[in-house]
Amino acid sequence: MTVGFTVNGVSHSVAEDRRDDKLIDFLHDDLNLTGTKLCCGIAICRACTVSVKKPPNQDATPSLACSTPLWILNGAEIKTIEGVASADSLTPIQDAFLANFAFQCGYCTPGFVIAAQILVDRLAAAPTRPADLDAQIEYALGGHICRCTGYVRYFEAAKKTAEIMLKGKS
């Protein structure tokens, strides 16, 4: 029996004896996708956040790759930081992170980008009231740990992107 899933649109499967391997190890060791960062290793800092869609739920949810065993991902669509943008251009959230100087060392940035992208995608599908936007961003990004920036720049980048997207929906 195998465990099957996609990573950035490419199908993968692993043998039953690897079902308990952590996703972060599979990404780094098997696929050489090192953008997802291992920091705390105990699912607290969220630097290892990836996007996961698993049927029947079609909404992406953040998943912590350092603590997620592969067997849980059977049938899932996984997106890492390498799969967020096309080869030609950055996404609006990535552009906003750059424009707002939202990082210093950048180690936690992939996790923030993934979480912010999930938030923006969710808001595009189900817009929120502008008065609720700060709370939505806090919920999406508040658990992420950054030791360099003080979080304000990440928050502002996500807010500016969400506001532009929401303005386009009205």
N, C-alpha and C. Protein backbone atom coordinates (compact mmCIF):
# COMPACT_ATOMS: atom_id res chain seq x y z
N MET A 1 0.85 -1.19 0.00
CA MET A 1 0.00 0.00 0.00
C MET A 1 0.89 1.24 0.00
N THR A 2 0.48 2.24 -0.76
CA THR A 2 1.25 3.47 -0.83
C THR A 2 0.42 4.64 -0.36
N VAL A 3 1.11 5.73 -0.08
CA VAL A 3 0.48 7.00 0.26
C VAL A 3 0.75 7.93 -0.91
N GLY A 4 -0.31 8.51 -1.49
CA GLY A 4 -0.15 9.36 -2.66
C GLY A 4 -0.68 10.76 -2.43
N PHE A 5 0.00 11.74 -3.00
CA PHE A 5 -0.38 13.14 -2.89
C PHE A 5 0.33 13.91 -3.98
N THR A 6 -0.04 15.18 -4.17
CA THR A 6 0.68 16.02 -5.11
C THR A 6 1.42 17.11 -4.33
N VAL A 7 2.55 17.51 -4.85
CA VAL A 7 3.31 18.63 -4.31
C VAL A 7 3.55 19.59 -5.46
N ASN A 8 3.01 20.78 -5.35
CA ASN A 8 3.15 21.80 -6.39
C ASN A 8 2.71 21.26 -7.76
N GLY A 9 1.63 20.46 -7.75
CA GLY A 9 1.05 19.96 -8.97
C GLY A 9 1.67 18.68 -9.52
N VAL A 10 2.68 18.14 -8.87
CA VAL A 10 3.34 16.92 -9.33
C VAL A 10 2.97 15.77 -8.39
N SER A 11 2.52 14.65 -8.96
CA SER A 11 2.11 13.49 -8.16
C SER A 11 3.33 12.77 -7.58
N HIS A 12 3.14 12.32 -6.34
CA HIS A 12 4.18 11.56 -5.65
C HIS A 12 3.51 10.45 -4.85
N SER A 13 4.25 9.39 -4.61
CA SER A 13 3.76 8.35 -3.71
C SER A 13 4.95 7.81 -2.94
N VAL A 14 4.63 7.34 -1.74
CA VAL A 14 5.66 6.74 -0.89
C VAL A 14 5.14 5.39 -0.41
N ALA A 15 6.06 4.49 -0.17
CA ALA A 15 5.71 3.16 0.30
C ALA A 15 5.18 3.22 1.74
N GLU A 16 4.42 2.22 2.08
CA GLU A 16 3.80 2.11 3.40
C GLU A 16 4.82 2.28 4.54
N ASP A 17 6.03 1.79 4.36
CA ASP A 17 7.01 1.87 5.44
C ASP A 17 7.50 3.29 5.71
N ARG A 18 7.12 4.24 4.85
CA ARG A 18 7.50 5.64 5.06
C ARG A 18 6.32 6.50 5.49
N ARG A 19 5.20 5.89 5.78
CA ARG A 19 3.98 6.62 6.10
C ARG A 19 4.13 7.55 7.30
N ASP A 20 5.03 7.25 8.22
CA ASP A 20 5.23 8.09 9.40
C ASP A 20 6.32 9.14 9.22
N ASP A 21 6.99 9.14 8.06
CA ASP A 21 7.99 10.19 7.79
C ASP A 21 7.30 11.54 7.83
N LYS A 22 8.00 12.54 8.28
CA LYS A 22 7.44 13.90 8.32
C LYS A 22 7.52 14.54 6.93
N LEU A 23 6.53 15.36 6.63
CA LEU A 23 6.48 16.03 5.34
C LEU A 23 7.74 16.85 5.09
N ILE A 24 8.23 17.55 6.08
CA ILE A 24 9.42 18.39 5.90
C ILE A 24 10.60 17.56 5.40
N ASP A 25 10.76 16.35 5.92
CA ASP A 25 11.86 15.48 5.49
C ASP A 25 11.67 15.04 4.05
N PHE A 26 10.44 14.71 3.68
CA PHE A 26 10.15 14.33 2.30
C PHE A 26 10.44 15.49 1.35
N LEU A 27 9.98 16.68 1.71
CA LEU A 27 10.22 17.85 0.85
C LEU A 27 11.70 18.11 0.66
N HIS A 28 12.44 18.10 1.75
CA HIS A 28 13.88 18.41 1.69
C HIS A 28 14.68 17.28 1.05
N ASP A 29 14.50 16.06 1.56
CA ASP A 29 15.37 14.95 1.17
C ASP A 29 15.00 14.32 -0.16
N ASP A 30 13.70 14.16 -0.42
CA ASP A 30 13.27 13.48 -1.64
C ASP A 30 13.08 14.43 -2.81
N LEU A 31 12.54 15.62 -2.54
CA LEU A 31 12.21 16.54 -3.63
C LEU A 31 13.17 17.72 -3.75
N ASN A 32 14.09 17.87 -2.82
CA ASN A 32 15.02 18.99 -2.80
C ASN A 32 14.30 20.33 -2.82
N LEU A 33 13.14 20.39 -2.18
CA LEU A 33 12.39 21.63 -2.00
C LEU A 33 12.72 22.15 -0.59
N THR A 34 13.69 23.03 -0.52
CA THR A 34 14.19 23.48 0.78
C THR A 34 13.65 24.84 1.21
N GLY A 35 12.71 25.38 0.46
CA GLY A 35 12.13 26.67 0.84
C GLY A 35 11.29 26.60 2.11
N THR A 36 10.66 25.47 2.35
CA THR A 36 9.91 25.25 3.59
C THR A 36 10.95 25.02 4.68
N LYS A 37 10.92 25.87 5.69
CA LYS A 37 12.00 25.87 6.68
C LYS A 37 11.67 25.06 7.93
N LEU A 38 12.66 24.33 8.41
CA LEU A 38 12.58 23.65 9.69
C LEU A 38 13.23 24.56 10.72
N CYS A 39 12.47 24.95 11.71
CA CYS A 39 13.01 25.83 12.74
C CYS A 39 12.89 25.16 14.10
N CYS A 40 11.71 25.20 14.70
CA CYS A 40 11.56 24.64 16.05
C CYS A 40 11.44 23.13 16.04
N GLY A 41 10.86 22.56 15.00
CA GLY A 41 10.69 21.12 14.91
C GLY A 41 9.57 20.55 15.76
N ILE A 42 8.83 21.42 16.45
CA ILE A 42 7.74 20.94 17.32
C ILE A 42 6.42 21.66 17.05
N ALA A 43 6.27 22.20 15.85
CA ALA A 43 5.01 22.80 15.38
C ALA A 43 4.57 24.02 16.18
N ILE A 44 5.50 24.83 16.59
CA ILE A 44 5.15 26.05 17.32
C ILE A 44 5.43 27.30 16.48
N CYS A 45 6.57 27.37 15.83
CA CYS A 45 6.99 28.62 15.17
C CYS A 45 6.28 28.87 13.84
N ARG A 46 5.87 27.82 13.15
CA ARG A 46 5.15 27.89 11.89
C ARG A 46 6.01 28.27 10.68
N ALA A 47 7.32 28.24 10.82
CA ALA A 47 8.19 28.51 9.67
C ALA A 47 7.99 27.45 8.59
N CYS A 48 7.54 26.28 8.97
CA CYS A 48 7.39 25.15 8.03
C CYS A 48 5.99 25.06 7.42
N THR A 49 5.22 26.12 7.47
CA THR A 49 3.84 26.09 6.97
C THR A 49 3.79 25.85 5.46
N VAL A 50 2.94 24.90 5.08
CA VAL A 50 2.62 24.63 3.68
C VAL A 50 1.10 24.68 3.54
N SER A 51 0.64 24.78 2.32
CA SER A 51 -0.80 24.80 2.02
C SER A 51 -1.24 23.39 1.66
N VAL A 52 -2.36 22.96 2.25
CA VAL A 52 -2.87 21.62 1.97
C VAL A 52 -4.36 21.69 1.64
N LYS A 53 -4.73 21.07 0.52
CA LYS A 53 -6.13 20.86 0.16
C LYS A 53 -6.35 19.36 0.18
N LYS A 54 -7.35 18.94 0.94
CA LYS A 54 -7.61 17.50 1.02
C LYS A 54 -9.10 17.25 0.85
N PRO A 55 -9.45 16.46 -0.18
CA PRO A 55 -10.87 16.18 -0.40
C PRO A 55 -11.49 15.57 0.86
N PRO A 56 -12.74 15.86 1.13
CA PRO A 56 -13.68 16.57 0.27
C PRO A 56 -13.58 18.09 0.40
N ASN A 57 -12.81 18.59 1.36
CA ASN A 57 -12.67 20.04 1.55
C ASN A 57 -11.77 20.60 0.46
N GLN A 58 -12.26 21.56 -0.30
CA GLN A 58 -11.48 22.16 -1.37
C GLN A 58 -10.78 23.45 -0.95
N ASP A 59 -10.97 23.85 0.30
CA ASP A 59 -10.28 25.04 0.80
C ASP A 59 -8.89 24.66 1.29
N ALA A 60 -7.92 25.49 0.97
CA ALA A 60 -6.56 25.26 1.45
C ALA A 60 -6.51 25.57 2.94
N THR A 61 -5.74 24.79 3.65
CA THR A 61 -5.51 25.03 5.06
C THR A 61 -4.01 25.01 5.31
N PRO A 62 -3.55 25.79 6.28
CA PRO A 62 -2.13 25.72 6.62
C PRO A 62 -1.82 24.42 7.35
N SER A 63 -0.71 23.83 7.01
CA SER A 63 -0.27 22.60 7.66
C SER A 63 1.20 22.75 8.03
N LEU A 64 1.58 22.23 9.18
CA LEU A 64 2.95 22.36 9.66
C LEU A 64 3.75 21.13 9.25
N ALA A 65 4.63 21.31 8.30
CA ALA A 65 5.36 20.20 7.69
C ALA A 65 6.28 19.48 8.66
N CYS A 66 6.73 20.15 9.72
CA CYS A 66 7.65 19.50 10.65
C CYS A 66 6.97 18.44 11.50
N SER A 67 5.65 18.50 11.61
CA SER A 67 4.95 17.56 12.48
C SER A 67 3.88 16.75 11.75
N THR A 68 3.77 16.91 10.44
CA THR A 68 2.73 16.22 9.68
C THR A 68 3.29 14.95 9.07
N PRO A 69 2.80 13.77 9.51
CA PRO A 69 3.25 12.52 8.89
C PRO A 69 2.62 12.37 7.50
N LEU A 70 3.32 11.72 6.62
CA LEU A 70 2.87 11.58 5.24
C LEU A 70 1.53 10.88 5.12
N TRP A 71 1.23 9.93 5.97
CA TRP A 71 -0.03 9.18 5.83
C TRP A 71 -1.25 10.08 5.93
N ILE A 72 -1.16 11.16 6.68
CA ILE A 72 -2.29 12.09 6.82
C ILE A 72 -2.56 12.79 5.48
N LEU A 73 -1.58 12.88 4.63
CA LEU A 73 -1.68 13.63 3.38
C LEU A 73 -2.15 12.80 2.20
N ASN A 74 -2.53 11.55 2.43
CA ASN A 74 -2.99 10.71 1.33
C ASN A 74 -4.14 11.39 0.60
N GLY A 75 -3.97 11.62 -0.70
CA GLY A 75 -4.98 12.27 -1.52
C GLY A 75 -4.93 13.79 -1.51
N ALA A 76 -4.01 14.36 -0.80
CA ALA A 76 -3.94 15.82 -0.64
C ALA A 76 -3.18 16.50 -1.77
N GLU A 77 -3.50 17.78 -1.95
CA GLU A 77 -2.73 18.67 -2.82
C GLU A 77 -1.94 19.59 -1.91
N ILE A 78 -0.62 19.54 -2.01
CA ILE A 78 0.26 20.32 -1.15
C ILE A 78 0.93 21.39 -1.99
N LYS A 79 0.99 22.60 -1.46
CA LYS A 79 1.71 23.67 -2.14
C LYS A 79 2.75 24.21 -1.17
N THR A 80 3.99 24.24 -1.63
CA THR A 80 5.09 24.81 -0.84
C THR A 80 5.38 26.21 -1.36
N ILE A 81 6.31 26.87 -0.73
CA ILE A 81 6.69 28.22 -1.16
C ILE A 81 7.17 28.21 -2.61
N GLU A 82 7.80 27.12 -3.03
CA GLU A 82 8.27 27.04 -4.42
C GLU A 82 7.11 27.00 -5.41
N GLY A 83 5.93 26.60 -4.97
CA GLY A 83 4.79 26.49 -5.86
C GLY A 83 3.83 27.66 -5.81
N VAL A 84 4.15 28.69 -5.04
CA VAL A 84 3.23 29.82 -4.89
C VAL A 84 3.18 30.68 -6.15
N ALA A 85 4.30 31.02 -6.70
CA ALA A 85 4.35 31.92 -7.85
C ALA A 85 4.73 31.15 -9.11
N SER A 86 4.43 31.74 -10.24
CA SER A 86 4.87 31.16 -11.51
C SER A 86 6.35 31.52 -11.70
N ALA A 87 6.94 30.93 -12.69
CA ALA A 87 8.36 31.22 -12.97
C ALA A 87 8.56 32.65 -13.45
N ASP A 88 7.49 33.26 -13.97
CA ASP A 88 7.61 34.58 -14.58
C ASP A 88 7.37 35.75 -13.64
N SER A 89 6.56 35.54 -12.59
CA SER A 89 6.22 36.68 -11.74
C SER A 89 5.85 36.24 -10.34
N LEU A 90 5.91 37.19 -9.44
CA LEU A 90 5.52 36.94 -8.06
C LEU A 90 4.02 37.17 -7.91
N THR A 91 3.46 36.63 -6.85
CA THR A 91 2.05 36.87 -6.53
C THR A 91 1.93 38.24 -5.87
N PRO A 92 0.72 38.79 -5.81
CA PRO A 92 0.55 40.07 -5.12
C PRO A 92 1.03 40.03 -3.66
N ILE A 93 0.83 38.93 -2.97
CA ILE A 93 1.27 38.87 -1.57
C ILE A 93 2.80 38.89 -1.50
N GLN A 94 3.47 38.21 -2.41
CA GLN A 94 4.94 38.25 -2.42
C GLN A 94 5.44 39.65 -2.75
N ASP A 95 4.81 40.30 -3.73
CA ASP A 95 5.17 41.68 -4.06
C ASP A 95 4.98 42.60 -2.85
N ALA A 96 3.87 42.40 -2.12
CA ALA A 96 3.61 43.24 -0.95
C ALA A 96 4.64 43.00 0.15
N PHE A 97 5.06 41.77 0.33
CA PHE A 97 6.10 41.48 1.33
C PHE A 97 7.39 42.22 0.98
N LEU A 98 7.74 42.21 -0.31
CA LEU A 98 8.94 42.93 -0.74
C LEU A 98 8.76 44.44 -0.60
N ALA A 99 7.63 44.98 -1.03
CA ALA A 99 7.38 46.42 -0.97
C ALA A 99 7.35 46.94 0.47
N ASN A 100 6.93 46.11 1.40
CA ASN A 100 6.84 46.52 2.81
C ASN A 100 8.07 46.11 3.62
N PHE A 101 9.10 45.60 2.95
CA PHE A 101 10.30 45.14 3.65
C PHE A 101 9.91 44.26 4.83
N ALA A 102 9.06 43.27 4.55
CA ALA A 102 8.43 42.48 5.60
C ALA A 102 9.32 41.40 6.20
N PHE A 103 10.57 41.43 5.92
CA PHE A 103 11.45 40.42 6.50
C PHE A 103 12.86 40.97 6.63
N GLN A 104 13.61 40.37 7.51
CA GLN A 104 15.03 40.69 7.61
C GLN A 104 15.84 39.47 7.21
N CYS A 105 15.93 38.49 8.10
CA CYS A 105 16.72 37.31 7.73
C CYS A 105 15.99 36.44 6.72
N GLY A 106 14.66 36.47 6.72
CA GLY A 106 13.86 35.74 5.76
C GLY A 106 13.56 34.29 6.10
N TYR A 107 14.07 33.80 7.22
CA TYR A 107 13.90 32.39 7.54
C TYR A 107 12.43 32.01 7.74
N CYS A 108 11.67 32.87 8.39
CA CYS A 108 10.26 32.57 8.64
C CYS A 108 9.35 33.01 7.50
N THR A 109 9.88 33.72 6.54
CA THR A 109 9.07 34.31 5.47
C THR A 109 8.27 33.28 4.67
N PRO A 110 8.82 32.12 4.30
CA PRO A 110 8.00 31.17 3.55
C PRO A 110 6.71 30.80 4.28
N GLY A 111 6.78 30.58 5.57
CA GLY A 111 5.58 30.25 6.34
C GLY A 111 4.59 31.38 6.36
N PHE A 112 5.08 32.61 6.51
CA PHE A 112 4.20 33.78 6.47
C PHE A 112 3.56 33.94 5.10
N VAL A 113 4.33 33.76 4.03
CA VAL A 113 3.80 33.91 2.67
C VAL A 113 2.69 32.88 2.43
N ILE A 114 2.93 31.63 2.79
CA ILE A 114 1.92 30.59 2.58
C ILE A 114 0.66 30.93 3.36
N ALA A 115 0.79 31.29 4.63
CA ALA A 115 -0.39 31.61 5.45
C ALA A 115 -1.13 32.83 4.91
N ALA A 116 -0.40 33.84 4.49
CA ALA A 116 -1.03 35.04 3.93
C ALA A 116 -1.71 34.72 2.60
N GLN A 117 -1.09 33.88 1.79
CA GLN A 117 -1.71 33.50 0.51
C GLN A 117 -3.00 32.73 0.73
N ILE A 118 -3.00 31.82 1.70
CA ILE A 118 -4.22 31.09 2.03
C ILE A 118 -5.31 32.07 2.46
N LEU A 119 -4.95 33.04 3.29
CA LEU A 119 -5.91 34.05 3.74
C LEU A 119 -6.46 34.84 2.55
N VAL A 120 -5.60 35.34 1.69
CA VAL A 120 -6.04 36.15 0.55
C VAL A 120 -6.93 35.31 -0.38
N ASP A 121 -6.57 34.07 -0.60
CA ASP A 121 -7.39 33.20 -1.44
C ASP A 121 -8.77 32.97 -0.81
N ARG A 122 -8.79 32.78 0.49
CA ARG A 122 -10.06 32.59 1.21
C ARG A 122 -10.92 33.84 1.12
N LEU A 123 -10.30 35.01 1.29
CA LEU A 123 -11.04 36.26 1.21
C LEU A 123 -11.55 36.53 -0.21
N ALA A 124 -10.81 36.07 -1.22
CA ALA A 124 -11.27 36.23 -2.60
C ALA A 124 -12.54 35.42 -2.84
N ALA A 125 -12.61 34.25 -2.21
CA ALA A 125 -13.78 33.39 -2.37
C ALA A 125 -14.95 33.84 -1.50
N ALA A 126 -14.64 34.37 -0.32
CA ALA A 126 -15.68 34.80 0.62
C ALA A 126 -15.22 36.09 1.29
N PRO A 127 -15.43 37.22 0.63
CA PRO A 127 -14.96 38.49 1.17
C PRO A 127 -15.50 38.77 2.58
N THR A 128 -14.71 39.49 3.34
CA THR A 128 -15.08 39.88 4.69
C THR A 128 -15.38 41.37 4.72
N ARG A 129 -16.01 41.80 5.76
CA ARG A 129 -16.22 43.24 5.94
C ARG A 129 -14.88 43.88 6.26
N PRO A 130 -14.62 45.08 5.76
CA PRO A 130 -13.36 45.76 6.07
C PRO A 130 -13.10 45.87 7.58
N ALA A 131 -14.15 46.02 8.37
CA ALA A 131 -13.98 46.14 9.83
C ALA A 131 -13.46 44.84 10.45
N ASP A 132 -13.63 43.72 9.77
CA ASP A 132 -13.19 42.42 10.29
C ASP A 132 -11.82 42.00 9.78
N LEU A 133 -11.25 42.78 8.88
CA LEU A 133 -10.01 42.37 8.21
C LEU A 133 -8.85 42.20 9.18
N ASP A 134 -8.65 43.13 10.10
CA ASP A 134 -7.54 43.01 11.04
C ASP A 134 -7.62 41.71 11.84
N ALA A 135 -8.81 41.36 12.28
CA ALA A 135 -8.98 40.13 13.06
C ALA A 135 -8.69 38.90 12.20
N GLN A 136 -9.09 38.95 10.93
CA GLN A 136 -8.82 37.84 10.02
C GLN A 136 -7.31 37.65 9.82
N ILE A 137 -6.61 38.76 9.66
CA ILE A 137 -5.15 38.70 9.47
C ILE A 137 -4.48 38.20 10.75
N GLU A 138 -4.92 38.69 11.87
CA GLU A 138 -4.36 38.24 13.15
C GLU A 138 -4.56 36.74 13.33
N TYR A 139 -5.73 36.26 12.99
CA TYR A 139 -6.00 34.83 13.10
C TYR A 139 -5.09 34.02 12.18
N ALA A 140 -4.89 34.50 10.94
CA ALA A 140 -4.09 33.78 9.96
C ALA A 140 -2.59 33.83 10.25
N LEU A 141 -2.10 34.96 10.74
CA LEU A 141 -0.66 35.15 10.90
C LEU A 141 -0.18 35.22 12.34
N GLY A 142 -1.10 35.40 13.26
CA GLY A 142 -0.73 35.66 14.65
C GLY A 142 0.09 34.58 15.33
N GLY A 143 -0.03 33.33 14.92
CA GLY A 143 0.72 32.26 15.55
C GLY A 143 2.13 32.09 15.03
N HIS A 144 2.47 32.80 13.97
CA HIS A 144 3.81 32.68 13.38
C HIS A 144 4.82 33.44 14.22
N ILE A 145 5.99 32.85 14.36
CA ILE A 145 7.04 33.46 15.15
C ILE A 145 8.14 34.01 14.24
N CYS A 146 8.48 35.26 14.47
CA CYS A 146 9.58 35.92 13.76
C CYS A 146 10.46 36.58 14.82
N ARG A 147 11.74 36.39 14.71
CA ARG A 147 12.64 36.97 15.71
C ARG A 147 13.28 38.27 15.23
N CYS A 148 12.93 38.72 14.02
CA CYS A 148 13.61 39.89 13.47
C CYS A 148 12.73 41.13 13.33
N THR A 149 11.51 40.99 12.82
CA THR A 149 10.79 42.16 12.32
C THR A 149 9.77 42.78 13.25
N GLY A 150 9.30 42.05 14.22
CA GLY A 150 8.26 42.61 15.06
C GLY A 150 6.87 42.47 14.48
N TYR A 151 6.70 41.73 13.39
CA TYR A 151 5.41 41.35 12.83
C TYR A 151 4.65 42.44 12.10
N VAL A 152 4.87 43.70 12.40
CA VAL A 152 4.08 44.78 11.83
C VAL A 152 4.16 44.78 10.30
N ARG A 153 5.33 44.56 9.78
CA ARG A 153 5.50 44.61 8.32
C ARG A 153 4.78 43.44 7.63
N TYR A 154 4.81 42.26 8.23
CA TYR A 154 4.06 41.14 7.67
C TYR A 154 2.57 41.46 7.68
N PHE A 155 2.09 41.96 8.78
CA PHE A 155 0.68 42.31 8.93
C PHE A 155 0.27 43.35 7.89
N GLU A 156 1.09 44.39 7.74
CA GLU A 156 0.78 45.46 6.79
C GLU A 156 0.78 44.96 5.35
N ALA A 157 1.71 44.09 5.01
CA ALA A 157 1.76 43.54 3.66
C ALA A 157 0.50 42.72 3.37
N ALA A 158 0.09 41.89 4.32
CA ALA A 158 -1.12 41.09 4.13
C ALA A 158 -2.34 42.00 4.06
N LYS A 159 -2.38 43.03 4.88
CA LYS A 159 -3.53 43.93 4.90
C LYS A 159 -3.66 44.70 3.58
N LYS A 160 -2.55 45.24 3.09
CA LYS A 160 -2.60 45.99 1.83
C LYS A 160 -3.06 45.10 0.68
N THR A 161 -2.55 43.88 0.63
CA THR A 161 -2.95 42.96 -0.43
C THR A 161 -4.44 42.62 -0.32
N ALA A 162 -4.89 42.32 0.88
CA ALA A 162 -6.30 41.98 1.09
C ALA A 162 -7.21 43.16 0.77
N GLU A 163 -6.81 44.36 1.16
CA GLU A 163 -7.63 45.54 0.87
C GLU A 163 -7.77 45.78 -0.63
N ILE A 164 -6.68 45.62 -1.35
CA ILE A 164 -6.73 45.79 -2.81
C ILE A 164 -7.65 44.74 -3.42
N MET A 165 -7.50 43.50 -2.96
CA MET A 165 -8.32 42.42 -3.48
C MET A 165 -9.80 42.64 -3.12
N LEU A 166 -10.08 43.06 -1.89
CA LEU A 166 -11.47 43.31 -1.48
C LEU A 166 -12.07 44.50 -2.23
N LYS A 167 -11.25 45.51 -2.48
CA LYS A 167 -11.74 46.68 -3.22
C LYS A 167 -12.15 46.27 -4.64
N GLY A 168 -11.41 45.36 -5.22
CA GLY A 168 -11.73 44.86 -6.55
C GLY A 168 -13.01 44.04 -6.58
N LYS A 169 -13.41 43.49 -5.42
CA LYS A 169 -14.63 42.69 -5.33
C LYS A 169 -15.87 43.53 -5.12
N SER A 170 -15.70 44.80 -4.70
CA SER A 170 -16.88 45.61 -4.40
C SER A 170 -17.37 46.40 -5.59
